Amino acid sequence: MFNFNAKRQKKVASLFCLSFLLVITLSCGAVPVVINAQKIATAANNVIKLMEITEKALYVTSSLVNAYYETLGEDINNEKSRASSKLSDKIVFSSEIVTKMENRYEELETKYKELNNSLDRTNDAANNFFSMLETRANQNSNASLREGSLRDISANKKTFSEKIEVAEDFSSKLKTSIKEYDNILNVFQISVALDQVPKYIETVDSVISQYKSLEQDVQIALNEGRQVIATNGDIPAQSLESTVPIPRPDSADIPIQSSEETVRSPISQSPEPTIPTPGSESTGSQEQIDRPLLGVQLISLTPELRQKINQYQNSNVSIDVDRGVLILEVKQDYPAAKAGIQVGDVIVTINGKTVTDDKEVIDEIGKTQVGTELPLEVYRGQQKLKILVDYR
């Protein structure tokens, strides 16, 4: 017999307990899951609650789809009646209607996502419930009873799956209806946008018109530059009271009065007009030649300029051609005035050559010799006149 004191006895007892627990763990493996009636009931209640949520989501979503389609039908009929009262075949939907449809579509999408999420959660909970029942049935050591329980579980699981499939099929049809609602909304959105296109076009036309008006001002400024360069020094001139008012883009009531400060013409008469001989070398020579001057102020005529002049209420001329060179001013005692050229005349040919730009007229004048005659064709209103300018 072995004699142990109290301390040694406690140590041996501890080692024995540890060894016993190790043997049990190695021989039994993992501890089996304990499934009792309370756990089964809790799992079943969870499935039932989720099914109630899914049922409510199905009802709410389907009711909204029906209601919003009915409202859509009313909106279409109202727009048809409005178009009919205006004797128009075109149905135009207001942006307010489209905005309401967009809000309804967003609500339908939100409700459908809630429904779909509820169906997924219900399926997961049901699978967990039936898996728990199958686990508990497999713990029965009686094969006959075990197989019977598993058959019953499988039959109920199949029935439940069939019912869930009905709900999923209905959910799929709701999704199709919601997508079709979005397709209709798509058409209405485009219709509203296209209805705004004419307004966009008007805006673009307005910008183009302003640009053309600005281009006209630029053209006048360029004419100044060309004429100043072509003029041999300052040439005195008298402005007639009869001038052609040209409305500015920013004010249709303010005419530009043609004057030496705004448009300098190289074809204004002076007592002794001379310019340096073209092509001559810079030798300091004072050699000069005579150059004929017409004695007018000019501007290239465009359809836009013609329209502005004709629409201007204080205009004292009427222009009936779109292209040519417009006479803005005729200087007294110069060849143009003596030949009968008037303010508002439009030069269309000079020396038999068709002209549409004031620079072309200036070039032709420069080619004319003193002591000759210069034939012009001008429009005065609707009347076409032949005028012979005498430089003799």
Protein backbone atom coordinates (compact mmCIF):
# COMPACT_ATOMS: atom_id res chain seq x y z
CA MET A 1 0.00 0.00 0.00
CA PHE A 2 1.22 3.45 -0.95
CA ASN A 3 1.22 6.19 1.61
CA PHE A 4 0.45 9.75 0.20
CA ASN A 5 0.30 12.91 2.14
CA ALA A 6 -2.49 15.44 1.48
CA LYS A 7 -0.45 17.61 -0.92
CA ARG A 8 0.60 14.66 -3.05
CA GLN A 9 -2.97 13.33 -3.09
CA LYS A 10 -4.29 16.61 -4.57
CA LYS A 11 -1.61 16.59 -7.26
CA VAL A 12 -2.38 13.03 -8.31
CA ALA A 13 -6.12 13.77 -8.35
CA SER A 14 -5.56 16.73 -10.65
CA LEU A 15 -3.48 14.68 -13.08
CA PHE A 16 -6.14 11.94 -13.06
CA CYS A 17 -8.93 14.41 -13.90
CA LEU A 18 -6.94 15.92 -16.77
CA SER A 19 -6.17 12.50 -18.17
CA PHE A 20 -9.82 11.44 -17.90
CA LEU A 21 -11.04 14.56 -19.78
CA LEU A 22 -8.43 14.02 -22.50
CA VAL A 23 -9.56 10.44 -23.01
CA ILE A 24 -13.24 11.45 -23.22
CA THR A 25 -12.49 14.23 -25.77
CA LEU A 26 -10.42 11.95 -28.02
CA SER A 27 -12.93 9.11 -27.89
CA CYS A 28 -16.16 11.13 -28.36
CA GLY A 29 -15.05 13.78 -30.90
CA ALA A 30 -17.07 17.11 -31.15
CA VAL A 31 -19.93 17.69 -28.78
CA PRO A 32 -23.26 17.05 -30.67
CA VAL A 33 -25.57 20.01 -31.33
CA VAL A 34 -28.36 20.11 -28.82
CA ILE A 35 -31.71 20.72 -30.58
CA ASN A 36 -34.73 21.05 -28.40
CA ALA A 37 -38.35 22.03 -28.82
CA GLN A 38 -37.66 25.68 -27.91
CA LYS A 39 -35.04 26.11 -30.63
CA ILE A 40 -37.32 24.52 -33.20
CA ALA A 41 -40.23 26.76 -32.17
CA THR A 42 -38.01 29.87 -32.34
CA ALA A 43 -36.85 28.98 -35.86
CA ALA A 44 -40.45 28.32 -36.95
CA ASN A 45 -41.67 31.65 -35.56
CA ASN A 46 -38.86 33.46 -37.36
CA VAL A 47 -39.99 31.98 -40.69
CA ILE A 48 -43.62 32.92 -40.02
CA LYS A 49 -42.70 36.54 -39.19
CA LEU A 50 -40.61 36.88 -42.34
CA MET A 51 -43.45 35.42 -44.41
CA GLU A 52 -45.80 38.06 -42.99
CA ILE A 53 -43.31 40.80 -43.93
CA THR A 54 -42.98 39.33 -47.42
CA GLU A 55 -46.76 39.14 -47.81
CA LYS A 56 -47.11 42.81 -46.82
CA ALA A 57 -44.30 43.85 -49.20
CA LEU A 58 -46.00 41.97 -52.06
CA TYR A 59 -49.31 43.69 -51.35
CA VAL A 60 -47.80 47.20 -51.06
CA THR A 61 -45.67 46.86 -54.19
CA SER A 62 -48.46 45.41 -56.35
CA SER A 63 -50.92 48.06 -55.12
CA LEU A 64 -48.49 50.85 -56.01
CA VAL A 65 -47.88 49.40 -59.48
CA ASN A 66 -51.62 49.24 -60.18
CA ALA A 67 -52.27 52.73 -58.77
CA TYR A 68 -49.43 54.37 -60.70
CA TYR A 69 -50.46 52.73 -63.97
CA GLU A 70 -54.02 53.99 -63.45
CA THR A 71 -52.69 57.52 -62.79
CA LEU A 72 -50.54 57.26 -65.90
CA GLY A 73 -53.59 56.33 -67.96
CA GLU A 74 -55.45 59.37 -66.62
CA ASP A 75 -52.52 61.67 -67.45
CA ILE A 76 -52.37 60.34 -71.02
CA ASN A 77 -56.10 60.80 -71.52
CA ASN A 78 -55.94 64.35 -70.15
CA GLU A 79 -53.10 65.23 -72.53
CA LYS A 80 -55.03 63.70 -75.44
CA SER A 81 -58.06 65.83 -74.60
CA ARG A 82 -55.89 68.95 -74.32
CA ALA A 83 -54.26 68.26 -77.67
CA SER A 84 -57.67 67.59 -79.26
CA SER A 85 -59.02 70.91 -77.99
CA LYS A 86 -56.09 72.63 -79.70
CA LEU A 87 -56.78 70.71 -82.93
CA SER A 88 -53.38 69.07 -82.66
CA ASP A 89 -52.38 65.44 -83.09
CA LYS A 90 -49.24 65.90 -81.02
CA ILE A 91 -49.40 64.97 -77.33
CA VAL A 92 -46.89 66.97 -75.30
CA PHE A 93 -46.34 66.00 -71.68
CA SER A 94 -45.45 68.72 -69.23
CA SER A 95 -42.26 68.55 -67.18
CA GLU A 96 -44.45 68.42 -64.03
CA ILE A 97 -46.02 65.13 -65.14
CA VAL A 98 -42.62 63.67 -65.98
CA THR A 99 -41.23 64.73 -62.59
CA LYS A 100 -44.12 63.00 -60.81
CA MET A 101 -43.50 59.86 -62.87
CA GLU A 102 -39.82 59.93 -61.93
CA ASN A 103 -40.72 60.13 -58.22
CA ARG A 104 -43.22 57.26 -58.59
CA TYR A 105 -40.68 55.12 -60.40
CA GLU A 106 -38.11 55.68 -57.63
CA GLU A 107 -40.70 54.63 -55.03
CA LEU A 108 -41.56 51.48 -57.02
CA GLU A 109 -37.87 50.58 -57.27
CA THR A 110 -37.43 51.05 -53.50
CA LYS A 111 -40.47 48.90 -52.64
CA TYR A 112 -39.38 46.17 -55.04
CA LYS A 113 -35.93 46.01 -53.45
CA GLU A 114 -37.59 45.67 -50.02
CA LEU A 115 -39.77 42.84 -51.38
CA ASN A 116 -36.84 41.05 -52.96
CA ASN A 117 -34.80 41.36 -49.75
CA SER A 118 -37.72 40.00 -47.71
CA LEU A 119 -38.06 36.97 -50.01
CA ASP A 120 -34.35 36.20 -49.68
CA ARG A 121 -34.48 36.43 -45.89
CA THR A 122 -37.58 34.20 -45.77
CA ASN A 123 -35.86 31.56 -47.92
CA ASP A 124 -32.75 31.63 -45.72
CA ALA A 125 -34.81 31.29 -42.52
CA ALA A 126 -36.87 28.40 -43.99
CA ASN A 127 -33.72 26.55 -45.09
CA ASN A 128 -32.29 26.98 -41.59
CA PHE A 129 -35.56 25.65 -40.05
CA PHE A 130 -35.71 22.54 -42.23
CA SER A 131 -31.98 21.92 -41.79
CA MET A 132 -32.50 21.97 -38.01
CA LEU A 133 -35.33 19.42 -38.31
CA GLU A 134 -33.22 17.16 -40.53
CA THR A 135 -30.30 17.34 -38.07
CA ARG A 136 -32.56 16.39 -35.20
CA ALA A 137 -34.15 13.53 -37.20
CA ASN A 138 -30.71 12.09 -38.04
CA GLN A 139 -29.95 11.88 -34.29
CA ASN A 140 -32.62 9.13 -33.96
CA SER A 141 -30.88 5.74 -33.69
CA ASN A 142 -34.05 3.94 -34.81
CA ALA A 143 -33.66 3.70 -38.58
CA SER A 144 -37.35 3.26 -39.27
CA LEU A 145 -38.38 6.26 -37.21
CA ARG A 146 -35.47 8.29 -38.61
CA GLU A 147 -36.42 7.61 -42.23
CA GLY A 148 -40.08 8.40 -41.56
CA SER A 149 -39.19 11.78 -40.01
CA LEU A 150 -36.90 12.66 -42.89
CA ARG A 151 -39.63 11.84 -45.44
CA ASP A 152 -42.12 14.07 -43.67
CA ILE A 153 -39.56 16.91 -43.43
CA SER A 154 -38.75 16.59 -47.16
CA ALA A 155 -42.44 16.65 -48.14
CA ASN A 156 -43.12 19.80 -46.08
CA LYS A 157 -39.96 21.43 -47.39
CA LYS A 158 -41.08 20.79 -50.98
CA THR A 159 -44.56 22.23 -50.33
CA PHE A 160 -43.07 25.33 -48.73
CA SER A 161 -40.64 25.79 -51.65
CA GLU A 162 -43.53 25.61 -54.13
CA LYS A 163 -45.40 28.35 -52.25
CA ILE A 164 -42.29 30.54 -52.13
CA GLU A 165 -41.81 30.01 -55.89
CA VAL A 166 -45.33 31.40 -56.46
CA ALA A 167 -44.36 34.54 -54.53
CA GLU A 168 -41.06 34.78 -56.43
CA ASP A 169 -42.86 34.43 -59.77
CA PHE A 170 -45.27 37.21 -58.78
CA SER A 171 -42.30 39.33 -57.71
CA SER A 172 -40.69 38.75 -61.13
CA LYS A 173 -43.86 39.97 -62.88
CA LEU A 174 -43.89 43.07 -60.69
CA LYS A 175 -40.30 43.73 -61.71
CA THR A 176 -41.31 43.47 -65.39
CA SER A 177 -44.18 45.93 -64.85
CA ILE A 178 -41.89 48.37 -63.06
CA LYS A 179 -39.36 48.14 -65.90
CA GLU A 180 -42.11 48.81 -68.45
CA TYR A 181 -43.15 51.86 -66.43
CA ASP A 182 -39.56 53.07 -66.69
CA ASN A 183 -39.66 52.49 -70.48
CA ILE A 184 -42.73 54.73 -70.75
CA LEU A 185 -41.07 57.30 -68.51
CA ASN A 186 -38.05 57.16 -70.82
CA VAL A 187 -40.20 58.12 -73.82
CA PHE A 188 -41.87 60.97 -71.94
CA GLN A 189 -38.51 62.33 -70.76
CA ILE A 190 -37.23 62.40 -74.33
CA SER A 191 -40.51 63.94 -75.54
CA VAL A 192 -40.20 66.80 -73.04
CA ALA A 193 -36.55 67.31 -73.99
CA LEU A 194 -37.37 67.41 -77.72
CA ASP A 195 -40.17 69.87 -77.03
CA GLN A 196 -37.51 72.20 -75.65
CA VAL A 197 -35.35 71.90 -78.78
CA PRO A 198 -37.08 74.80 -80.65
CA LYS A 199 -36.28 77.05 -77.67
CA TYR A 200 -32.66 75.91 -77.80
CA ILE A 201 -32.62 76.63 -81.54
CA GLU A 202 -34.04 80.12 -80.92
CA THR A 203 -31.24 80.75 -78.43
CA VAL A 204 -28.64 79.58 -80.93
CA ASP A 205 -30.19 81.74 -83.67
CA SER A 206 -30.09 84.73 -81.33
CA VAL A 207 -26.40 84.15 -80.63
CA ILE A 208 -25.70 83.80 -84.37
CA SER A 209 -27.62 87.01 -85.07
CA GLN A 210 -25.64 88.88 -82.42
CA TYR A 211 -22.44 87.49 -83.88
CA LYS A 212 -23.39 88.67 -87.37
CA SER A 213 -24.20 92.11 -85.99
CA LEU A 214 -20.83 92.19 -84.29
CA GLU A 215 -19.24 91.01 -87.54
CA GLN A 216 -20.87 93.98 -89.29
CA ASP A 217 -19.25 96.38 -86.79
CA VAL A 218 -15.92 94.65 -87.32
CA GLN A 219 -16.35 94.98 -91.08
CA ILE A 220 -16.94 98.73 -90.71
CA ALA A 221 -13.80 99.02 -88.57
CA LEU A 222 -11.79 97.10 -91.17
CA ASN A 223 -13.15 99.36 -93.89
CA GLU A 224 -11.87 102.31 -91.90
CA GLY A 225 -8.44 100.77 -91.75
CA ARG A 226 -8.33 99.96 -95.46
CA GLN A 227 -9.58 103.40 -96.43
CA VAL A 228 -7.19 105.25 -94.11
CA ILE A 229 -4.26 103.36 -95.59
CA ALA A 230 -5.48 103.95 -99.15
CA THR A 231 -6.04 107.66 -98.53
CA ASN A 232 -3.14 109.99 -99.14
CA GLY A 233 -3.48 112.09 -96.02
CA ASP A 234 -6.65 113.64 -94.62
CA ILE A 235 -9.20 114.66 -97.25
CA PRO A 236 -11.74 117.32 -96.21
CA ALA A 237 -15.35 116.50 -96.93
CA GLN A 238 -18.81 117.87 -96.26
CA SER A 239 -21.43 115.49 -94.89
CA LEU A 240 -24.89 115.72 -96.36
CA GLU A 241 -27.89 115.73 -94.09
CA SER A 242 -29.14 112.65 -95.96
CA THR A 243 -27.45 109.63 -94.40
CA VAL A 244 -28.27 105.94 -94.06
CA PRO A 245 -28.92 105.01 -90.42
CA ILE A 246 -27.48 101.63 -89.45
CA PRO A 247 -28.89 100.30 -86.16
CA ARG A 248 -26.37 98.94 -83.69
CA PRO A 249 -26.93 95.42 -82.26
CA ASP A 250 -27.46 96.78 -78.75
CA SER A 251 -29.94 99.50 -79.67
CA ALA A 252 -32.24 99.54 -82.68
CA ASP A 253 -33.02 103.19 -82.03
CA ILE A 254 -29.50 104.61 -82.33
CA PRO A 255 -28.28 105.08 -85.91
CA ILE A 256 -24.64 105.32 -86.89
CA GLN A 257 -24.29 108.61 -88.75
CA SER A 258 -21.75 108.23 -91.51
CA SER A 259 -18.95 110.73 -91.05
CA GLU A 260 -15.28 111.24 -91.70
CA GLU A 261 -14.57 110.12 -88.13
CA THR A 262 -16.26 106.75 -88.59
CA VAL A 263 -15.61 105.92 -92.26
CA ARG A 264 -12.78 107.48 -94.20
CA SER A 265 -13.15 106.96 -97.93
CA PRO A 266 -10.22 106.81 -100.30
CA ILE A 267 -12.55 107.89 -103.10
CA SER A 268 -13.40 111.36 -101.85
CA GLN A 269 -12.63 114.24 -104.22
CA SER A 270 -9.93 116.72 -103.31
CA PRO A 271 -8.73 119.71 -105.33
CA GLU A 272 -5.36 118.14 -106.10
CA PRO A 273 -5.52 114.38 -105.41
CA THR A 274 -2.10 112.76 -105.61
CA ILE A 275 -0.52 109.59 -104.28
CA PRO A 276 2.98 108.13 -104.61
CA THR A 277 3.47 106.17 -107.80
CA PRO A 278 2.83 102.45 -107.12
CA GLY A 279 5.95 100.40 -107.39
CA SER A 280 8.31 103.36 -107.24
CA GLU A 281 11.48 103.06 -105.23
CA SER A 282 11.98 104.95 -101.98
CA THR A 283 14.38 107.55 -103.30
CA GLY A 284 12.83 110.59 -101.69
CA SER A 285 11.44 111.59 -105.06
CA GLN A 286 8.36 113.82 -105.00
CA GLU A 287 7.01 112.30 -108.23
CA GLN A 288 3.20 111.97 -108.02
CA ILE A 289 0.36 111.08 -110.38
CA ASP A 290 -3.26 112.19 -110.61
CA ARG A 291 -5.83 109.81 -109.15
CA PRO A 292 -9.59 110.12 -109.79
CA LEU A 293 -11.88 110.29 -106.76
CA LEU A 294 -15.60 109.52 -106.68
CA GLY A 295 -16.54 111.47 -103.55
CA VAL A 296 -18.65 108.93 -101.61
CA GLN A 297 -18.55 106.82 -98.48
CA LEU A 298 -19.20 103.09 -98.98
CA ILE A 299 -19.94 99.88 -97.16
CA SER A 300 -20.35 96.32 -98.38
CA LEU A 301 -24.03 95.35 -98.43
CA THR A 302 -25.14 92.07 -96.81
CA PRO A 303 -28.64 90.59 -96.37
CA GLU A 304 -28.40 91.29 -92.63
CA LEU A 305 -27.47 94.94 -93.16
CA ARG A 306 -30.23 95.35 -95.73
CA GLN A 307 -32.78 93.93 -93.28
CA LYS A 308 -31.67 96.26 -90.49
CA ILE A 309 -31.85 99.33 -92.69
CA ASN A 310 -35.29 98.43 -94.09
CA GLN A 311 -36.66 97.65 -90.62
CA TYR A 312 -35.29 100.82 -89.06
CA GLN A 313 -38.28 103.15 -88.61
CA ASN A 314 -36.34 106.35 -89.29
CA SER A 315 -34.61 105.07 -92.42
CA ASN A 316 -35.20 107.28 -95.46
CA VAL A 317 -34.11 104.69 -98.02
CA SER A 318 -35.40 101.32 -99.17
CA ILE A 319 -33.01 98.63 -100.37
CA ASP A 320 -34.26 95.79 -102.57
CA VAL A 321 -31.06 93.85 -103.29
CA ASP A 322 -29.00 91.68 -100.93
CA ARG A 323 -25.54 92.16 -102.38
CA GLY A 324 -23.54 95.08 -103.71
CA VAL A 325 -21.82 98.18 -102.34
CA LEU A 326 -24.05 100.66 -100.50
CA ILE A 327 -23.59 104.45 -100.80
CA LEU A 328 -23.61 105.90 -97.29
CA GLU A 329 -22.75 109.48 -98.20
CA VAL A 330 -22.34 111.60 -101.34
CA LYS A 331 -20.00 114.60 -101.10
CA GLN A 332 -21.02 117.83 -102.77
CA ASP A 333 -19.22 119.06 -105.89
CA TYR A 334 -17.55 115.71 -106.51
CA PRO A 335 -18.01 113.46 -109.58
CA ALA A 336 -20.52 111.14 -107.85
CA ALA A 337 -22.83 114.02 -106.92
CA LYS A 338 -22.51 115.53 -110.38
CA ALA A 339 -23.37 112.16 -111.97
CA GLY A 340 -26.58 111.93 -109.89
CA ILE A 341 -25.52 109.19 -107.44
CA GLN A 342 -27.63 109.31 -104.26
CA VAL A 343 -27.41 108.04 -100.69
CA GLY A 344 -28.96 104.56 -100.55
CA ASP A 345 -27.90 103.62 -104.10
CA VAL A 346 -26.35 100.17 -104.34
CA ILE A 347 -23.50 99.74 -106.83
CA VAL A 348 -23.72 96.31 -108.49
CA THR A 349 -21.30 96.77 -111.40
CA ILE A 350 -18.39 99.10 -112.12
CA ASN A 351 -16.62 99.14 -115.47
CA GLY A 352 -18.78 96.16 -116.39
CA LYS A 353 -17.48 94.14 -113.43
CA THR A 354 -19.87 92.83 -110.79
CA VAL A 355 -18.94 94.03 -107.30
CA THR A 356 -20.12 92.92 -103.86
CA ASP A 357 -17.36 94.36 -101.67
CA ASP A 358 -16.40 97.99 -101.17
CA LYS A 359 -12.74 97.09 -101.65
CA GLU A 360 -13.54 95.99 -105.21
CA VAL A 361 -15.02 99.44 -105.93
CA ILE A 362 -11.96 101.13 -104.43
CA ASP A 363 -9.67 98.97 -106.60
CA GLU A 364 -11.63 99.79 -109.79
CA ILE A 365 -11.58 103.52 -108.98
CA GLY A 366 -7.81 103.29 -108.56
CA LYS A 367 -7.45 101.82 -112.05
CA THR A 368 -9.40 104.66 -113.67
CA GLN A 369 -7.45 107.46 -115.35
CA VAL A 370 -8.28 111.14 -115.00
CA GLY A 371 -9.91 112.41 -118.18
CA THR A 372 -11.98 109.26 -118.75
CA GLU A 373 -15.53 108.16 -117.93
CA LEU A 374 -16.49 105.43 -115.44
CA PRO A 375 -19.69 103.42 -116.11
CA LEU A 376 -21.69 102.18 -113.08
CA GLU A 377 -24.87 100.19 -112.60
CA VAL A 378 -26.76 100.91 -109.40
CA TYR A 379 -30.04 99.92 -107.78
CA ARG A 380 -32.19 102.71 -106.37
CA GLY A 381 -34.96 100.84 -104.61
CA GLN A 382 -36.33 98.45 -107.23
CA GLN A 383 -35.07 100.54 -110.15
CA LYS A 384 -31.83 99.62 -111.90
CA LEU A 385 -29.94 102.63 -113.32
CA LYS A 386 -26.91 103.08 -115.55
CA ILE A 387 -24.76 106.03 -114.48
CA LEU A 388 -21.71 107.47 -116.24
CA VAL A 389 -19.25 109.27 -113.97
CA ASP A 390 -17.26 111.92 -115.80
CA TYR A 391 -13.64 112.41 -114.71
CA ARG A 392 -12.83 114.95 -117.48
